[in-house]
């Protein structure tokens, strides 16, 4: 898509596909928010701080209580990681 400024704009879908299989993002999550992103996760105690690894398109890859584990998994999958706050 070309914007009025003459610059190309990417849709959200285009942006997600741009890093597909190459980029993953790491995000800190609270246990109360897990079900929305990891529907098959078991019920967790409230108040837990967890770390999640997602593919560039938002596909959940890993949920853990250990931040380092997300980086190890990303390295195994040959993903460059970015952190989201």
PDB file of N, CA and C in Angstrom:
ATOM      1  N   UNK A   1       0.839  -1.173   0.000  1.00  0.00           N
ATOM      2  CA  UNK A   1       0.000   0.000   0.000  1.00  0.00           C
ATOM      3  C   UNK A   1       0.888   1.240   0.000  1.00  0.00           C
ATOM      4  N   UNK A   2       0.575   2.221  -0.816  1.00  0.00           N
ATOM      5  CA  UNK A   2       1.325   3.477  -0.890  1.00  0.00           C
ATOM      6  C   UNK A   2       0.527   4.558  -0.144  1.00  0.00           C
ATOM      7  N   UNK A   3       1.168   5.207   0.817  1.00  0.00           N
ATOM      8  CA  UNK A   3       0.528   6.275   1.575  1.00  0.00           C
ATOM      9  C   UNK A   3       0.573   7.573   0.775  1.00  0.00           C
ATOM     10  N   UNK A   4      -0.190   8.582   1.220  1.00  0.00           N
ATOM     11  CA  UNK A   4      -0.208   9.880   0.542  1.00  0.00           C
ATOM     12  C   UNK A   4       1.179  10.500   0.472  1.00  0.00           C
ATOM     13  N   UNK A   5       2.022  10.166   1.433  1.00  0.00           N
ATOM     14  CA  UNK A   5       3.377  10.711   1.448  1.00  0.00           C
ATOM     15  C   UNK A   5       4.255  10.072   0.384  1.00  0.00           C
ATOM     16  N   UNK A   6       3.729   9.045  -0.301  1.00  0.00           N
ATOM     17  CA  UNK A   6       4.506   8.357  -1.316  1.00  0.00           C
ATOM     18  C   UNK A   6       5.319   7.201  -0.758  1.00  0.00           C
ATOM     19  N   UNK A   7       5.285   6.992   0.567  1.00  0.00           N
ATOM     20  CA  UNK A   7       6.014   5.900   1.207  1.00  0.00           C
ATOM     21  C   UNK A   7       5.131   4.666   1.264  1.00  0.00           C
ATOM     22  N   UNK A   8       5.760   3.533   1.163  1.00  0.00           N
ATOM     23  CA  UNK A   8       5.025   2.271   1.267  1.00  0.00           C
ATOM     24  C   UNK A   8       4.684   2.003   2.722  1.00  0.00           C
ATOM     25  N   UNK A   9       3.434   1.598   2.974  1.00  0.00           N
ATOM     26  CA  UNK A   9       3.004   1.221   4.319  1.00  0.00           C
ATOM     27  C   UNK A   9       2.697  -0.261   4.326  1.00  0.00           C
ATOM     28  N   UNK A  10       3.087  -0.924   5.392  1.00  0.00           N
ATOM     29  CA  UNK A  10       2.806  -2.342   5.545  1.00  0.00           C
ATOM     30  C   UNK A  10       1.566  -2.527   6.409  1.00  0.00           C
ATOM     31  N   UNK A  11       0.747  -3.485   6.035  1.00  0.00           N
ATOM     32  CA  UNK A  11      -0.401  -3.824   6.875  1.00  0.00           C
ATOM     33  C   UNK A  11       0.121  -4.624   8.066  1.00  0.00           C
ATOM     34  N   UNK A  12      -0.717  -4.818   9.074  1.00  0.00           N
ATOM     35  CA  UNK A  12      -0.332  -5.616  10.231  1.00  0.00           C
ATOM     36  C   UNK A  12       0.040  -7.032   9.797  1.00  0.00           C
ATOM     37  N   UNK A  13      -0.700  -7.578   8.844  1.00  0.00           N
ATOM     38  CA  UNK A  13      -0.417  -8.920   8.341  1.00  0.00           C
ATOM     39  C   UNK A  13       0.929  -8.954   7.616  1.00  0.00           C
ATOM     40  N   UNK A  14       1.193  -7.962   6.774  1.00  0.00           N
ATOM     41  CA  UNK A  14       2.472  -7.890   6.073  1.00  0.00           C
ATOM     42  C   UNK A  14       3.633  -7.809   7.056  1.00  0.00           C
ATOM     43  N   UNK A  15       3.461  -7.016   8.094  1.00  0.00           N
ATOM     44  CA  UNK A  15       4.502  -6.842   9.099  1.00  0.00           C
ATOM     45  C   UNK A  15       4.767  -8.151   9.834  1.00  0.00           C
ATOM     46  N   UNK A  16       3.709  -8.863  10.181  1.00  0.00           N
ATOM     47  CA  UNK A  16       3.862 -10.142  10.873  1.00  0.00           C
ATOM     48  C   UNK A  16       4.588 -11.150  10.001  1.00  0.00           C
ATOM     49  N   UNK A  17       4.274 -11.180   8.730  1.00  0.00           N
ATOM     50  CA  UNK A  17       4.904 -12.134   7.825  1.00  0.00           C
ATOM     51  C   UNK A  17       6.352 -11.778   7.528  1.00  0.00           C
ATOM     52  N   UNK A  18       6.694 -10.513   7.675  1.00  0.00           N
ATOM     53  CA  UNK A  18       8.045 -10.048   7.390  1.00  0.00           C
ATOM     54  C   UNK A  18       9.097 -10.810   8.192  1.00  0.00           C
ATOM     55  N   UNK A  19       8.810 -11.062   9.467  1.00  0.00           N
ATOM     56  CA  UNK A  19       9.784 -11.757  10.310  1.00  0.00           C
ATOM     57  C   UNK A  19       9.454 -13.209  10.544  1.00  0.00           C
ATOM     58  N   UNK A  20       8.487 -13.747   9.843  1.00  0.00           N
ATOM     59  CA  UNK A  20       8.043 -15.125  10.056  1.00  0.00           C
ATOM     60  C   UNK A  20       9.193 -16.113   9.916  1.00  0.00           C
ATOM     61  N   UNK A  21       9.381 -16.903  10.956  1.00  0.00           N
ATOM     62  CA  UNK A  21      10.441 -17.903  10.948  1.00  0.00           C
ATOM     63  C   UNK A  21      11.820 -17.350  11.214  1.00  0.00           C
ATOM     64  N   UNK A  22      11.923 -16.030  11.392  1.00  0.00           N
ATOM     65  CA  UNK A  22      13.225 -15.403  11.603  1.00  0.00           C
ATOM     66  C   UNK A  22      13.289 -14.589  12.889  1.00  0.00           C
ATOM     67  N   UNK A  23      12.139 -14.044  13.301  1.00  0.00           N
ATOM     68  CA  UNK A  23      12.097 -13.159  14.457  1.00  0.00           C
ATOM     69  C   UNK A  23      11.089 -13.701  15.466  1.00  0.00           C
ATOM     70  N   UNK A  24      11.466 -13.620  16.722  1.00  0.00           N
ATOM     71  CA  UNK A  24      10.554 -13.966  17.800  1.00  0.00           C
ATOM     72  C   UNK A  24      10.570 -12.852  18.818  1.00  0.00           C
ATOM     73  N   UNK A  25       9.483 -12.719  19.544  1.00  0.00           N
ATOM     74  CA  UNK A  25       9.506 -11.695  20.582  1.00  0.00           C
ATOM     75  C   UNK A  25       9.224 -12.302  21.939  1.00  0.00           C
ATOM     76  N   UNK A  26       9.862 -11.716  22.920  1.00  0.00           N
ATOM     77  CA  UNK A  26       9.776 -12.173  24.302  1.00  0.00           C
ATOM     78  C   UNK A  26       8.972 -11.153  25.073  1.00  0.00           C
ATOM     79  N   UNK A  27       8.058 -11.663  25.867  1.00  0.00           N
ATOM     80  CA  UNK A  27       7.168 -10.768  26.604  1.00  0.00           C
ATOM     81  C   UNK A  27       6.955 -11.300  28.016  1.00  0.00           C
ATOM     82  N   UNK A  28       7.027 -10.410  28.968  1.00  0.00           N
ATOM     83  CA  UNK A  28       6.706 -10.751  30.348  1.00  0.00           C
ATOM     84  C   UNK A  28       5.189 -10.751  30.483  1.00  0.00           C
ATOM     85  N   UNK A  29       4.658 -11.761  31.168  1.00  0.00           N
ATOM     86  CA  UNK A  29       3.209 -11.876  31.324  1.00  0.00           C
ATOM     87  C   UNK A  29       2.867 -12.215  32.769  1.00  0.00           C
ATOM     88  N   UNK A  30       1.661 -11.867  33.142  1.00  0.00           N
ATOM     89  CA  UNK A  30       1.129 -12.294  34.436  1.00  0.00           C
ATOM     90  C   UNK A  30       0.268 -13.520  34.185  1.00  0.00           C
ATOM     91  N   UNK A  31       0.207 -14.390  35.155  1.00  0.00           N
ATOM     92  CA  UNK A  31      -0.541 -15.635  34.994  1.00  0.00           C
ATOM     93  C   UNK A  31      -2.006 -15.394  34.651  1.00  0.00           C
ATOM     94  N   UNK A  32      -2.561 -14.282  35.082  1.00  0.00           N
ATOM     95  CA  UNK A  32      -3.960 -13.964  34.785  1.00  0.00           C
ATOM     96  C   UNK A  32      -4.192 -13.720  33.288  1.00  0.00           C
ATOM     97  N   UNK A  33      -3.144 -13.381  32.554  1.00  0.00           N
ATOM     98  CA  UNK A  33      -3.260 -13.059  31.129  1.00  0.00           C
ATOM     99  C   UNK A  33      -2.904 -14.227  30.205  1.00  0.00           C
ATOM    100  N   UNK A  34      -2.481 -15.327  30.774  1.00  0.00           N
ATOM    101  CA  UNK A  34      -1.987 -16.453  29.978  1.00  0.00           C
ATOM    102  C   UNK A  34      -3.070 -17.071  29.107  1.00  0.00           C
ATOM    103  N   UNK A  35      -4.262 -17.290  29.638  1.00  0.00           N
ATOM    104  CA  UNK A  35      -5.320 -17.988  28.899  1.00  0.00           C
ATOM    105  C   UNK A  35      -5.635 -17.319  27.564  1.00  0.00           C
ATOM    106  N   UNK A  36      -5.543 -16.008  27.495  1.00  0.00           N
ATOM    107  CA  UNK A  36      -5.846 -15.287  26.257  1.00  0.00           C
ATOM    108  C   UNK A  36      -4.842 -15.618  25.152  1.00  0.00           C
ATOM    109  N   UNK A  37      -3.599 -15.843  25.502  1.00  0.00           N
ATOM    110  CA  UNK A  37      -2.557 -16.097  24.501  1.00  0.00           C
ATOM    111  C   UNK A  37      -2.201 -17.577  24.362  1.00  0.00           C
ATOM    112  N   UNK A  38      -2.407 -18.337  25.433  1.00  0.00           N
ATOM    113  CA  UNK A  38      -2.114 -19.772  25.458  1.00  0.00           C
ATOM    114  C   UNK A  38      -3.378 -20.513  25.918  1.00  0.00           C
ATOM    115  N   UNK A  39      -4.374 -20.655  25.046  1.00  0.00           N
ATOM    116  CA  UNK A  39      -5.663 -21.227  25.440  1.00  0.00           C
ATOM    117  C   UNK A  39      -5.593 -22.631  26.037  1.00  0.00           C
ATOM    118  N   UNK A  40      -4.588 -23.397  25.685  1.00  0.00           N
ATOM    119  CA  UNK A  40      -4.483 -24.764  26.183  1.00  0.00           C
ATOM    120  C   UNK A  40      -3.703 -24.872  27.494  1.00  0.00           C
ATOM    121  N   UNK A  41      -3.241 -23.744  28.011  1.00  0.00           N
ATOM    122  CA  UNK A  41      -2.468 -23.760  29.258  1.00  0.00           C
ATOM    123  C   UNK A  41      -3.367 -24.162  30.422  1.00  0.00           C
ATOM    124  N   UNK A  42      -2.807 -24.857  31.392  1.00  0.00           N
ATOM    125  CA  UNK A  42      -3.597 -25.207  32.580  1.00  0.00           C
ATOM    126  C   UNK A  42      -3.906 -23.956  33.398  1.00  0.00           C
ATOM    127  N   UNK A  43      -4.841 -24.072  34.303  1.00  0.00           N
ATOM    128  CA  UNK A  43      -5.171 -22.958  35.202  1.00  0.00           C
ATOM    129  C   UNK A  43      -3.964 -22.712  36.101  1.00  0.00           C
ATOM    130  N   UNK A  44      -3.542 -21.465  36.179  1.00  0.00           N
ATOM    131  CA  UNK A  44      -2.370 -21.093  36.978  1.00  0.00           C
ATOM    132  C   UNK A  44      -2.788 -20.250  38.174  1.00  0.00           C
ATOM    133  N   UNK A  45      -2.003 -20.314  39.221  1.00  0.00           N
ATOM    134  CA  UNK A  45      -2.247 -19.466  40.375  1.00  0.00           C
ATOM    135  C   UNK A  45      -2.124 -18.005  39.962  1.00  0.00           C
ATOM    136  N   UNK A  46      -2.971 -17.145  40.492  1.00  0.00           N
ATOM    137  CA  UNK A  46      -2.864 -15.715  40.149  1.00  0.00           C
ATOM    138  C   UNK A  46      -1.603 -15.093  40.740  1.00  0.00           C
ATOM    139  N   UNK A  47      -1.138 -14.034  40.066  1.00  0.00           N
ATOM    140  CA  UNK A  47      -0.014 -13.265  40.571  1.00  0.00           C
ATOM    141  C   UNK A  47       1.363 -13.752  40.154  1.00  0.00           C
ATOM    142  N   UNK A  48       1.419 -14.794  39.340  1.00  0.00           N
ATOM    143  CA  UNK A  48       2.721 -15.292  38.892  1.00  0.00           C
ATOM    144  C   UNK A  48       3.240 -14.441  37.728  1.00  0.00           C
ATOM    145  N   UNK A  49       4.549 -14.176  37.731  1.00  0.00           N
ATOM    146  CA  UNK A  49       5.180 -13.493  36.606  1.00  0.00           C
ATOM    147  C   UNK A  49       5.836 -14.547  35.740  1.00  0.00           C
ATOM    148  N   UNK A  50       5.484 -14.558  34.469  1.00  0.00           N
ATOM    149  CA  UNK A  50       5.958 -15.558  33.533  1.00  0.00           C
ATOM    150  C   UNK A  50       6.576 -14.882  32.315  1.00  0.00           C
ATOM    151  N   UNK A  51       7.272 -15.665  31.508  1.00  0.00           N
ATOM    152  CA  UNK A  51       7.891 -15.181  30.278  1.00  0.00           C
ATOM    153  C   UNK A  51       7.363 -16.005  29.118  1.00  0.00           C
ATOM    154  N   UNK A  52       7.077 -15.333  28.023  1.00  0.00           N
ATOM    155  CA  UNK A  52       6.543 -16.015  26.843  1.00  0.00           C
ATOM    156  C   UNK A  52       7.378 -15.666  25.619  1.00  0.00           C
ATOM    157  N   UNK A  53       7.503 -16.654  24.746  1.00  0.00           N
ATOM    158  CA  UNK A  53       8.157 -16.470  23.453  1.00  0.00           C
ATOM    159  C   UNK A  53       7.100 -16.663  22.381  1.00  0.00           C
ATOM    160  N   UNK A  54       7.008 -15.707  21.463  1.00  0.00           N
ATOM    161  CA  UNK A  54       6.045 -15.742  20.363  1.00  0.00           C
ATOM    162  C   UNK A  54       6.780 -15.588  19.043  1.00  0.00           C
ATOM    163  N   UNK A  55       6.229 -16.174  17.996  1.00  0.00           N
ATOM    164  CA  UNK A  55       6.730 -15.941  16.657  1.00  0.00           C
ATOM    165  C   UNK A  55       6.354 -14.534  16.225  1.00  0.00           C
ATOM    166  N   UNK A  56       6.947 -14.062  15.148  1.00  0.00           N
ATOM    167  CA  UNK A  56       6.677 -12.712  14.658  1.00  0.00           C
ATOM    168  C   UNK A  56       5.197 -12.487  14.364  1.00  0.00           C
ATOM    169  N   UNK A  57       4.493 -13.548  13.998  1.00  0.00           N
ATOM    170  CA  UNK A  57       3.067 -13.433  13.692  1.00  0.00           C
ATOM    171  C   UNK A  57       2.178 -13.587  14.921  1.00  0.00           C
ATOM    172  N   UNK A  58       2.794 -13.708  16.101  1.00  0.00           N
ATOM    173  CA  UNK A  58       2.036 -13.834  17.345  1.00  0.00           C
ATOM    174  C   UNK A  58       1.774 -15.259  17.781  1.00  0.00           C
ATOM    175  N   UNK A  59       2.263 -16.232  17.026  1.00  0.00           N
ATOM    176  CA  UNK A  59       2.073 -17.632  17.396  1.00  0.00           C
ATOM    177  C   UNK A  59       2.816 -17.937  18.689  1.00  0.00           C
ATOM    178  N   UNK A  60       2.119 -18.438  19.722  1.00  0.00           N
ATOM    179  CA  UNK A  60       2.790 -18.778  20.971  1.00  0.00           C
ATOM    180  C   UNK A  60       3.743 -19.957  20.786  1.00  0.00           C
ATOM    181  N   UNK A  61       4.945 -19.836  21.308  1.00  0.00           N
ATOM    182  CA  UNK A  61       5.956 -20.877  21.185  1.00  0.00           C
ATOM    183  C   UNK A  61       6.281 -21.489  22.546  1.00  0.00           C
ATOM    184  N   UNK A  62       6.463 -20.651  23.560  1.00  0.00           N
ATOM    185  CA  UNK A  62       6.912 -21.140  24.860  1.00  0.00           C
ATOM    186  C   UNK A  62       6.386 -20.247  25.968  1.00  0.00           C
ATOM    187  N   UNK A  63       6.011 -20.861  27.079  1.00  0.00           N
ATOM    188  CA  UNK A  63       5.628 -20.142  28.293  1.00  0.00           C
ATOM    189  C   UNK A  63       6.431 -20.739  29.433  1.00  0.00           C
ATOM    190  N   UNK A  64       7.115 -19.891  30.189  1.00  0.00           N
ATOM    191  CA  UNK A  64       7.992 -20.380  31.245  1.00  0.00           C
ATOM    192  C   UNK A  64       8.085 -19.355  32.378  1.00  0.00           C
ATOM    193  N   UNK A  65       8.588 -19.802  33.512  1.00  0.00           N
ATOM    194  CA  UNK A  65       8.830 -18.869  34.618  1.00  0.00           C
ATOM    195  C   UNK A  65      10.287 -18.418  34.634  1.00  0.00           C
ATOM    196  N   UNK A  66      11.053 -18.837  33.631  1.00  0.00           N
ATOM    197  CA  UNK A  66      12.472 -18.541  33.576  1.00  0.00           C
ATOM    198  C   UNK A  66      12.777 -17.767  32.290  1.00  0.00           C
ATOM    199  N   UNK A  67      13.144 -16.523  32.427  1.00  0.00           N
ATOM    200  CA  UNK A  67      13.407 -15.664  31.265  1.00  0.00           C
ATOM    201  C   UNK A  67      14.479 -16.245  30.346  1.00  0.00           C
ATOM    202  N   UNK A  68      15.528 -16.801  30.916  1.00  0.00           N
ATOM    203  CA  UNK A  68      16.618 -17.361  30.116  1.00  0.00           C
ATOM    204  C   UNK A  68      16.134 -18.466  29.192  1.00  0.00           C
ATOM    205  N   UNK A  69      15.138 -19.219  29.624  1.00  0.00           N
ATOM    206  CA  UNK A  69      14.613 -20.311  28.798  1.00  0.00           C
ATOM    207  C   UNK A  69      14.057 -19.801  27.477  1.00  0.00           C
ATOM    208  N   UNK A  70      13.502 -18.600  27.491  1.00  0.00           N
ATOM    209  CA  UNK A  70      12.950 -18.061  26.247  1.00  0.00           C
ATOM    210  C   UNK A  70      14.061 -17.790  25.238  1.00  0.00           C
ATOM    211  N   UNK A  71      15.195 -17.306  25.723  1.00  0.00           N
ATOM    212  CA  UNK A  71      16.323 -17.037  24.832  1.00  0.00           C
ATOM    213  C   UNK A  71      16.937 -18.334  24.304  1.00  0.00           C
ATOM    214  N   UNK A  72      17.033 -19.339  25.169  1.00  0.00           N
ATOM    215  CA  UNK A  72      17.564 -20.624  24.731  1.00  0.00           C
ATOM    216  C   UNK A  72      16.681 -21.239  23.647  1.00  0.00           C
ATOM    217  N   UNK A  73      15.373 -21.190  23.855  1.00  0.00           N
ATOM    218  CA  UNK A  73      14.452 -21.756  22.870  1.00  0.00           C
ATOM    219  C   UNK A  73      14.523 -20.990  21.549  1.00  0.00           C
ATOM    220  N   UNK A  74      14.587 -19.669  21.639  1.00  0.00           N
ATOM    221  CA  UNK A  74      14.703 -18.858  20.420  1.00  0.00           C
ATOM    222  C   UNK A  74      15.974 -19.228  19.657  1.00  0.00           C
ATOM    223  N   UNK A  75      17.069 -19.416  20.383  1.00  0.00           N
ATOM    224  CA  UNK A  75      18.332 -19.800  19.735  1.00  0.00           C
ATOM    225  C   UNK A  75      18.200 -21.165  19.072  1.00  0.00           C
ATOM    226  N   UNK A  76      17.527 -22.108  19.739  1.00  0.00           N
ATOM    227  CA  UNK A  76      17.314 -23.436  19.155  1.00  0.00           C
ATOM    228  C   UNK A  76      16.515 -23.338  17.854  1.00  0.00           C
ATOM    229  N   UNK A  77      15.539 -22.430  17.830  1.00  0.00           N
ATOM    230  CA  UNK A  77      14.698 -22.245  16.648  1.00  0.00           C
ATOM    231  C   UNK A  77      15.298 -21.257  15.649  1.00  0.00           C
ATOM    232  N   UNK A  78      16.528 -20.800  15.943  1.00  0.00           N
ATOM    233  CA  UNK A  78      17.238 -19.838  15.086  1.00  0.00           C
ATOM    234  C   UNK A  78      16.444 -18.564  14.852  1.00  0.00           C
ATOM    235  N   UNK A  79      15.833 -18.070  15.934  1.00  0.00           N
ATOM    236  CA  UNK A  79      15.068 -16.812  15.866  1.00  0.00           C
ATOM    237  C   UNK A  79      15.873 -15.689  16.462  1.00  0.00           C
ATOM    238  N   UNK A  80      15.851 -14.541  15.838  1.00  0.00           N
ATOM    239  CA  UNK A  80      16.400 -13.331  16.447  1.00  0.00           C
ATOM    240  C   UNK A  80      15.310 -12.812  17.379  1.00  0.00           C
ATOM    241  N   UNK A  81      15.685 -12.407  18.568  1.00  0.00           N
ATOM    242  CA  UNK A  81      14.679 -12.014  19.548  1.00  0.00           C
ATOM    243  C   UNK A  81      14.601 -10.512  19.741  1.00  0.00           C
ATOM    244  N   UNK A  82      13.400 -10.067  20.018  1.00  0.00           N
ATOM    245  CA  UNK A  82      13.132  -8.701  20.427  1.00  0.00           C
ATOM    246  C   UNK A  82      12.267  -8.787  21.677  1.00  0.00           C
ATOM    247  N   UNK A  83      12.380  -7.816  22.539  1.00  0.00           N
ATOM    248  CA  UNK A  83      11.585  -7.806  23.764  1.00  0.00           C
ATOM    249  C   UNK A  83      10.473  -6.778  23.633  1.00  0.00           C
ATOM    250  N   UNK A  84       9.305  -7.120  24.144  1.00  0.00           N
ATOM    251  CA  UNK A  84       8.165  -6.201  24.178  1.00  0.00           C
ATOM    252  C   UNK A  84       7.875  -5.870  25.627  1.00  0.00           C
ATOM    253  N   UNK A  85       7.535  -4.634  25.858  1.00  0.00           N
ATOM    254  CA  UNK A  85       7.240  -4.198  27.233  1.00  0.00           C
ATOM    255  C   UNK A  85       5.766  -3.932  27.370  1.00  0.00           C
TER     256      UNK A  85
END
